[in-house]
Amino acid sequence: MANNQAPQGNHDPAGSTQMFRAFVDEAPQGRQAAAPTSSGPRIGLILGVVVAVAVIAAVAWLALA
């Protein structure tokens, strides 16, 4: 991992290729770990929309009755 050579053999003095590869290799693991926690906010969002629609329907029903 200490090798800072790009695949073409060009020297990468900043090591950005190595950092990018580390990011790309790490990204799928981060997504898998975040997947179970992302379902919680989705459920809350769906419930919030359902409640908002119910409140708007109740207000409209009371206003038109």
Protein backbone atom coordinates (compact mmCIF):
# COMPACT_ATOMS: atom_id res chain seq x y z
CA MET A 1 0.00 0.00 0.00
CA ALA A 2 2.98 2.30 0.44
CA ASN A 3 3.56 2.22 -3.31
CA ASN A 4 2.52 5.57 -4.78
CA GLN A 5 2.73 4.44 -8.39
CA ALA A 6 -0.30 4.76 -10.65
CA PRO A 7 -1.18 1.75 -12.83
CA GLN A 8 0.50 3.37 -15.87
CA GLY A 9 3.75 3.82 -13.91
CA ASN A 10 3.36 7.61 -13.53
CA HIS A 11 4.42 8.92 -10.15
CA ASP A 12 1.59 10.38 -8.07
CA PRO A 13 3.35 12.75 -5.62
CA ALA A 14 0.17 13.68 -3.74
CA GLY A 15 -0.95 10.06 -3.36
CA SER A 16 -4.44 11.01 -4.56
CA THR A 17 -4.80 7.78 -6.53
CA GLN A 18 -4.09 5.75 -3.43
CA MET A 19 -6.55 7.81 -1.38
CA PHE A 20 -9.20 7.46 -4.10
CA ARG A 21 -8.75 3.70 -4.22
CA ALA A 22 -9.06 3.51 -0.45
CA PHE A 23 -12.29 5.53 -0.66
CA VAL A 24 -13.72 3.36 -3.43
CA ASP A 25 -12.81 0.16 -1.60
CA GLU A 26 -14.35 1.48 1.61
CA ALA A 27 -17.57 2.93 0.12
CA PRO A 28 -19.58 -0.32 -0.33
CA GLN A 29 -18.94 -1.28 3.30
CA GLY A 30 -20.24 2.11 4.42
CA ARG A 31 -23.36 1.72 2.32
CA GLN A 32 -24.07 -1.73 3.74
CA ALA A 33 -23.70 -0.44 7.27
CA ALA A 34 -26.00 2.53 6.57
CA ALA A 35 -28.72 0.47 4.86
CA PRO A 36 -30.54 -0.72 8.03
CA THR A 37 -30.52 2.75 9.57
CA SER A 38 -31.86 4.41 6.41
CA SER A 39 -35.14 2.45 6.63
CA GLY A 40 -36.02 4.22 9.91
CA PRO A 41 -36.25 7.74 8.46
CA ARG A 42 -38.18 6.40 5.44
CA ILE A 43 -40.82 4.88 7.71
CA GLY A 44 -41.05 8.15 9.62
CA LEU A 45 -41.40 10.10 6.40
CA ILE A 46 -44.17 7.83 5.12
CA LEU A 47 -46.03 8.03 8.43
CA GLY A 48 -45.64 11.81 8.44
CA VAL A 49 -47.10 12.11 4.95
CA VAL A 50 -50.02 9.84 5.87
CA VAL A 51 -50.74 11.88 9.00
CA ALA A 52 -50.51 15.15 7.05
CA VAL A 53 -52.94 13.88 4.41
CA ALA A 54 -55.33 12.69 7.13
CA VAL A 55 -55.21 16.07 8.88
CA ILE A 56 -55.80 17.95 5.61
CA ALA A 57 -58.70 15.63 4.76
CA ALA A 58 -60.23 16.13 8.21
CA VAL A 59 -59.92 19.92 7.97
CA ALA A 60 -61.44 19.93 4.47
CA TRP A 61 -64.28 17.65 5.61
CA LEU A 62 -65.05 19.92 8.58
CA ALA A 63 -64.85 23.05 6.41
CA LEU A 64 -67.22 21.67 3.78
CA ALA A 65 -69.69 20.05 6.17
